[in-house]
């Protein structure tokens, strides 16, 4: 992987981690169970994306 590609993945990882954090903050403030479940699903999706990107980064560094 080129340095530019690695930097792009690093940025994407940071964005996904930020989205997870914001989802978790929102979940703690929501009273509606249905909305909480929706936001929890979003947080899980961002975790999956983060894991996929991290796998690319780990594979690229090997």
PDB file of N, CA and C in Angstrom:
ATOM      1  N   UNK A   1       0.836  -1.179   0.000  1.00  0.00           N
ATOM      2  CA  UNK A   1       0.000   0.000   0.000  1.00  0.00           C
ATOM      3  C   UNK A   1       0.883   1.244   0.000  1.00  0.00           C
ATOM      4  N   UNK A   2       0.410   2.247  -0.676  1.00  0.00           N
ATOM      5  CA  UNK A   2       1.174   3.491  -0.695  1.00  0.00           C
ATOM      6  C   UNK A   2       0.924   4.263   0.607  1.00  0.00           C
ATOM      7  N   UNK A   3       1.773   5.216   0.869  1.00  0.00           N
ATOM      8  CA  UNK A   3       1.621   6.051   2.055  1.00  0.00           C
ATOM      9  C   UNK A   3       0.289   6.796   2.017  1.00  0.00           C
ATOM     10  N   UNK A   4      -0.084   7.277   0.858  1.00  0.00           N
ATOM     11  CA  UNK A   4      -1.355   8.000   0.701  1.00  0.00           C
ATOM     12  C   UNK A   4      -2.539   7.092   1.046  1.00  0.00           C
ATOM     13  N   UNK A   5      -2.503   5.848   0.585  1.00  0.00           N
ATOM     14  CA  UNK A   5      -3.573   4.899   0.891  1.00  0.00           C
ATOM     15  C   UNK A   5      -3.636   4.600   2.389  1.00  0.00           C
ATOM     16  N   UNK A   6      -2.481   4.448   3.007  1.00  0.00           N
ATOM     17  CA  UNK A   6      -2.445   4.196   4.450  1.00  0.00           C
ATOM     18  C   UNK A   6      -3.003   5.385   5.225  1.00  0.00           C
ATOM     19  N   UNK A   7      -2.672   6.580   4.788  1.00  0.00           N
ATOM     20  CA  UNK A   7      -3.199   7.776   5.439  1.00  0.00           C
ATOM     21  C   UNK A   7      -4.715   7.863   5.281  1.00  0.00           C
ATOM     22  N   UNK A   8      -5.197   7.492   4.116  1.00  0.00           N
ATOM     23  CA  UNK A   8      -6.637   7.500   3.870  1.00  0.00           C
ATOM     24  C   UNK A   8      -7.341   6.515   4.809  1.00  0.00           C
ATOM     25  N   UNK A   9      -6.784   5.333   4.960  1.00  0.00           N
ATOM     26  CA  UNK A   9      -7.362   4.338   5.864  1.00  0.00           C
ATOM     27  C   UNK A   9      -7.316   4.822   7.310  1.00  0.00           C
ATOM     28  N   UNK A  10      -6.224   5.457   7.699  1.00  0.00           N
ATOM     29  CA  UNK A  10      -6.112   6.018   9.041  1.00  0.00           C
ATOM     30  C   UNK A  10      -7.216   7.041   9.297  1.00  0.00           C
ATOM     31  N   UNK A  11      -7.436   7.918   8.343  1.00  0.00           N
ATOM     32  CA  UNK A  11      -8.506   8.912   8.461  1.00  0.00           C
ATOM     33  C   UNK A  11      -9.865   8.235   8.579  1.00  0.00           C
ATOM     34  N   UNK A  12     -10.091   7.241   7.749  1.00  0.00           N
ATOM     35  CA  UNK A  12     -11.371   6.530   7.770  1.00  0.00           C
ATOM     36  C   UNK A  12     -11.584   5.841   9.117  1.00  0.00           C
ATOM     37  N   UNK A  13     -10.522   5.268   9.677  1.00  0.00           N
ATOM     38  CA  UNK A  13     -10.620   4.646  11.000  1.00  0.00           C
ATOM     39  C   UNK A  13     -11.027   5.672  12.046  1.00  0.00           C
ATOM     40  N   UNK A  14     -10.426   6.834  11.986  1.00  0.00           N
ATOM     41  CA  UNK A  14     -10.763   7.896  12.930  1.00  0.00           C
ATOM     42  C   UNK A  14     -12.223   8.320  12.810  1.00  0.00           C
ATOM     43  N   UNK A  15     -12.710   8.413  11.586  1.00  0.00           N
ATOM     44  CA  UNK A  15     -14.106   8.784  11.371  1.00  0.00           C
ATOM     45  C   UNK A  15     -15.049   7.720  11.931  1.00  0.00           C
ATOM     46  N   UNK A  16     -14.741   6.470  11.676  1.00  0.00           N
ATOM     47  CA  UNK A  16     -15.601   5.389  12.172  1.00  0.00           C
ATOM     48  C   UNK A  16     -15.611   5.345  13.693  1.00  0.00           C
ATOM     49  N   UNK A  17     -14.467   5.563  14.310  1.00  0.00           N
ATOM     50  CA  UNK A  17     -14.399   5.584  15.770  1.00  0.00           C
ATOM     51  C   UNK A  17     -15.222   6.754  16.312  1.00  0.00           C
ATOM     52  N   UNK A  18     -15.146   7.898  15.644  1.00  0.00           N
ATOM     53  CA  UNK A  18     -15.939   9.069  16.033  1.00  0.00           C
ATOM     54  C   UNK A  18     -17.437   8.760  15.944  1.00  0.00           C
ATOM     55  N   UNK A  19     -17.862   8.121  14.852  1.00  0.00           N
ATOM     56  CA  UNK A  19     -19.273   7.776  14.687  1.00  0.00           C
ATOM     57  C   UNK A  19     -19.742   6.826  15.790  1.00  0.00           C
ATOM     58  N   UNK A  20     -18.894   5.866  16.144  1.00  0.00           N
ATOM     59  CA  UNK A  20     -19.236   4.941  17.225  1.00  0.00           C
ATOM     60  C   UNK A  20     -19.437   5.697  18.534  1.00  0.00           C
ATOM     61  N   UNK A  21     -18.518   6.596  18.819  1.00  0.00           N
ATOM     62  CA  UNK A  21     -18.589   7.379  20.055  1.00  0.00           C
ATOM     63  C   UNK A  21     -19.871   8.197  20.099  1.00  0.00           C
ATOM     64  N   UNK A  22     -20.206   8.855  19.001  1.00  0.00           N
ATOM     65  CA  UNK A  22     -21.413   9.678  18.954  1.00  0.00           C
ATOM     66  C   UNK A  22     -22.675   8.822  19.091  1.00  0.00           C
ATOM     67  N   UNK A  23     -22.677   7.658  18.476  1.00  0.00           N
ATOM     68  CA  UNK A  23     -23.825   6.751  18.617  1.00  0.00           C
ATOM     69  C   UNK A  23     -23.985   6.327  20.070  1.00  0.00           C
ATOM     70  N   UNK A  24     -22.891   5.979  20.724  1.00  0.00           N
ATOM     71  CA  UNK A  24     -22.950   5.560  22.118  1.00  0.00           C
ATOM     72  C   UNK A  24     -23.421   6.697  23.021  1.00  0.00           C
ATOM     73  N   UNK A  25     -22.972   7.909  22.738  1.00  0.00           N
ATOM     74  CA  UNK A  25     -23.442   9.064  23.509  1.00  0.00           C
ATOM     75  C   UNK A  25     -24.940   9.260  23.312  1.00  0.00           C
ATOM     76  N   UNK A  26     -25.408   9.148  22.079  1.00  0.00           N
ATOM     77  CA  UNK A  26     -26.828   9.320  21.787  1.00  0.00           C
ATOM     78  C   UNK A  26     -27.656   8.242  22.479  1.00  0.00           C
ATOM     79  N   UNK A  27     -27.162   7.005  22.468  1.00  0.00           N
ATOM     80  CA  UNK A  27     -27.901   5.907  23.099  1.00  0.00           C
ATOM     81  C   UNK A  27     -28.134   6.183  24.578  1.00  0.00           C
ATOM     82  N   UNK A  28     -27.126   6.742  25.233  1.00  0.00           N
ATOM     83  CA  UNK A  28     -27.251   6.993  26.670  1.00  0.00           C
ATOM     84  C   UNK A  28     -28.260   8.101  26.975  1.00  0.00           C
ATOM     85  N   UNK A  29     -28.596   8.908  25.975  1.00  0.00           N
ATOM     86  CA  UNK A  29     -29.510  10.031  26.191  1.00  0.00           C
ATOM     87  C   UNK A  29     -30.920   9.776  25.673  1.00  0.00           C
ATOM     88  N   UNK A  30     -31.106   8.716  24.932  1.00  0.00           N
ATOM     89  CA  UNK A  30     -32.423   8.450  24.340  1.00  0.00           C
ATOM     90  C   UNK A  30     -33.318   7.701  25.318  1.00  0.00           C
ATOM     91  N   UNK A  31     -34.550   8.153  25.419  1.00  0.00           N
ATOM     92  CA  UNK A  31     -35.510   7.478  26.271  1.00  0.00           C
ATOM     93  C   UNK A  31     -36.332   6.444  25.519  1.00  0.00           C
ATOM     94  N   UNK A  32     -36.508   6.653  24.235  1.00  0.00           N
ATOM     95  CA  UNK A  32     -37.317   5.756  23.416  1.00  0.00           C
ATOM     96  C   UNK A  32     -36.513   4.498  23.082  1.00  0.00           C
ATOM     97  N   UNK A  33     -37.040   3.353  23.471  1.00  0.00           N
ATOM     98  CA  UNK A  33     -36.330   2.088  23.270  1.00  0.00           C
ATOM     99  C   UNK A  33     -36.110   1.775  21.788  1.00  0.00           C
ATOM    100  N   UNK A  34     -37.098   2.076  20.964  1.00  0.00           N
ATOM    101  CA  UNK A  34     -36.978   1.813  19.526  1.00  0.00           C
ATOM    102  C   UNK A  34     -35.839   2.644  18.926  1.00  0.00           C
ATOM    103  N   UNK A  35     -35.775   3.911  19.281  1.00  0.00           N
ATOM    104  CA  UNK A  35     -34.685   4.764  18.787  1.00  0.00           C
ATOM    105  C   UNK A  35     -33.331   4.287  19.301  1.00  0.00           C
ATOM    106  N   UNK A  36     -33.302   3.891  20.585  1.00  0.00           N
ATOM    107  CA  UNK A  36     -32.055   3.371  21.160  1.00  0.00           C
ATOM    108  C   UNK A  36     -31.567   2.152  20.399  1.00  0.00           C
ATOM    109  N   UNK A  37     -32.493   1.267  20.039  1.00  0.00           N
ATOM    110  CA  UNK A  37     -32.132   0.067  19.274  1.00  0.00           C
ATOM    111  C   UNK A  37     -31.604   0.429  17.887  1.00  0.00           C
ATOM    112  N   UNK A  38     -32.230   1.414  17.258  1.00  0.00           N
ATOM    113  CA  UNK A  38     -31.764   1.856  15.933  1.00  0.00           C
ATOM    114  C   UNK A  38     -30.348   2.415  16.009  1.00  0.00           C
ATOM    115  N   UNK A  39     -30.115   3.244  17.016  1.00  0.00           N
ATOM    116  CA  UNK A  39     -28.789   3.845  17.173  1.00  0.00           C
ATOM    117  C   UNK A  39     -27.768   2.775  17.549  1.00  0.00           C
ATOM    118  N   UNK A  40     -28.175   1.791  18.327  1.00  0.00           N
ATOM    119  CA  UNK A  40     -27.272   0.693  18.676  1.00  0.00           C
ATOM    120  C   UNK A  40     -26.876  -0.086  17.426  1.00  0.00           C
ATOM    121  N   UNK A  41     -27.823  -0.303  16.529  1.00  0.00           N
ATOM    122  CA  UNK A  41     -27.511  -0.981  15.269  1.00  0.00           C
ATOM    123  C   UNK A  41     -26.533  -0.158  14.435  1.00  0.00           C
ATOM    124  N   UNK A  42     -26.712   1.156  14.446  1.00  0.00           N
ATOM    125  CA  UNK A  42     -25.780   2.030  13.724  1.00  0.00           C
ATOM    126  C   UNK A  42     -24.383   1.919  14.324  1.00  0.00           C
ATOM    127  N   UNK A  43     -24.293   1.907  15.649  1.00  0.00           N
ATOM    128  CA  UNK A  43     -22.996   1.790  16.320  1.00  0.00           C
ATOM    129  C   UNK A  43     -22.323   0.464  15.957  1.00  0.00           C
ATOM    130  N   UNK A  44     -23.112  -0.602  15.916  1.00  0.00           N
ATOM    131  CA  UNK A  44     -22.565  -1.914  15.552  1.00  0.00           C
ATOM    132  C   UNK A  44     -22.079  -1.920  14.110  1.00  0.00           C
ATOM    133  N   UNK A  45     -22.808  -1.265  13.225  1.00  0.00           N
ATOM    134  CA  UNK A  45     -22.397  -1.193  11.817  1.00  0.00           C
ATOM    135  C   UNK A  45     -21.084  -0.429  11.692  1.00  0.00           C
ATOM    136  N   UNK A  46     -20.958   0.667  12.428  1.00  0.00           N
ATOM    137  CA  UNK A  46     -19.701   1.428  12.383  1.00  0.00           C
ATOM    138  C   UNK A  46     -18.546   0.607  12.976  1.00  0.00           C
ATOM    139  N   UNK A  47     -18.848  -0.226  13.972  1.00  0.00           N
ATOM    140  CA  UNK A  47     -17.808  -1.102  14.524  1.00  0.00           C
ATOM    141  C   UNK A  47     -17.364  -2.121  13.475  1.00  0.00           C
ATOM    142  N   UNK A  48     -18.310  -2.655  12.711  1.00  0.00           N
ATOM    143  CA  UNK A  48     -17.974  -3.605  11.652  1.00  0.00           C
ATOM    144  C   UNK A  48     -17.108  -2.939  10.582  1.00  0.00           C
ATOM    145  N   UNK A  49     -17.486  -1.737  10.208  1.00  0.00           N
ATOM    146  CA  UNK A  49     -16.711  -1.002   9.205  1.00  0.00           C
ATOM    147  C   UNK A  49     -15.308  -0.730   9.740  1.00  0.00           C
ATOM    148  N   UNK A  50     -15.226  -0.311  10.999  1.00  0.00           N
ATOM    149  CA  UNK A  50     -13.928  -0.053  11.628  1.00  0.00           C
ATOM    150  C   UNK A  50     -13.057  -1.315  11.584  1.00  0.00           C
ATOM    151  N   UNK A  51     -13.657  -2.433  11.946  1.00  0.00           N
ATOM    152  CA  UNK A  51     -12.914  -3.699  11.961  1.00  0.00           C
ATOM    153  C   UNK A  51     -12.425  -4.070  10.557  1.00  0.00           C
ATOM    154  N   UNK A  52     -13.264  -3.860   9.565  1.00  0.00           N
ATOM    155  CA  UNK A  52     -12.872  -4.148   8.172  1.00  0.00           C
ATOM    156  C   UNK A  52     -11.719  -3.261   7.734  1.00  0.00           C
ATOM    157  N   UNK A  53     -11.824  -1.973   8.028  1.00  0.00           N
ATOM    158  CA  UNK A  53     -10.755  -1.046   7.667  1.00  0.00           C
ATOM    159  C   UNK A  53      -9.464  -1.381   8.402  1.00  0.00           C
ATOM    160  N   UNK A  54      -9.593  -1.719   9.673  1.00  0.00           N
ATOM    161  CA  UNK A  54      -8.417  -2.076  10.452  1.00  0.00           C
ATOM    162  C   UNK A  54      -7.753  -3.327   9.874  1.00  0.00           C
ATOM    163  N   UNK A  55      -8.562  -4.253   9.408  1.00  0.00           N
ATOM    164  CA  UNK A  55      -8.019  -5.450   8.768  1.00  0.00           C
ATOM    165  C   UNK A  55      -7.239  -5.107   7.507  1.00  0.00           C
ATOM    166  N   UNK A  56      -7.734  -4.153   6.742  1.00  0.00           N
ATOM    167  CA  UNK A  56      -7.000  -3.701   5.562  1.00  0.00           C
ATOM    168  C   UNK A  56      -5.677  -3.065   5.950  1.00  0.00           C
ATOM    169  N   UNK A  57      -5.730  -2.266   7.006  1.00  0.00           N
ATOM    170  CA  UNK A  57      -4.526  -1.576   7.475  1.00  0.00           C
ATOM    171  C   UNK A  57      -3.507  -2.588   8.000  1.00  0.00           C
ATOM    172  N   UNK A  58      -3.983  -3.562   8.748  1.00  0.00           N
ATOM    173  CA  UNK A  58      -3.092  -4.596   9.275  1.00  0.00           C
ATOM    174  C   UNK A  58      -2.511  -5.447   8.157  1.00  0.00           C
ATOM    175  N   UNK A  59      -3.368  -5.778   7.193  1.00  0.00           N
ATOM    176  CA  UNK A  59      -2.909  -6.570   6.043  1.00  0.00           C
ATOM    177  C   UNK A  59      -1.947  -5.798   5.172  1.00  0.00           C
ATOM    178  N   UNK A  60      -2.152  -4.485   5.063  1.00  0.00           N
ATOM    179  CA  UNK A  60      -1.275  -3.645   4.256  1.00  0.00           C
ATOM    180  C   UNK A  60       0.085  -3.453   4.880  1.00  0.00           C
ATOM    181  N   UNK A  61       0.131  -3.554   6.215  1.00  0.00           N
ATOM    182  CA  UNK A  61       1.408  -3.344   6.892  1.00  0.00           C
ATOM    183  C   UNK A  61       2.243  -4.617   6.917  1.00  0.00           C
ATOM    184  N   UNK A  62       1.612  -5.748   6.632  1.00  0.00           N
ATOM    185  CA  UNK A  62       2.337  -7.034   6.685  1.00  0.00           C
ATOM    186  C   UNK A  62       3.204  -7.232   5.478  1.00  0.00           C
TER     187      UNK A  62
END
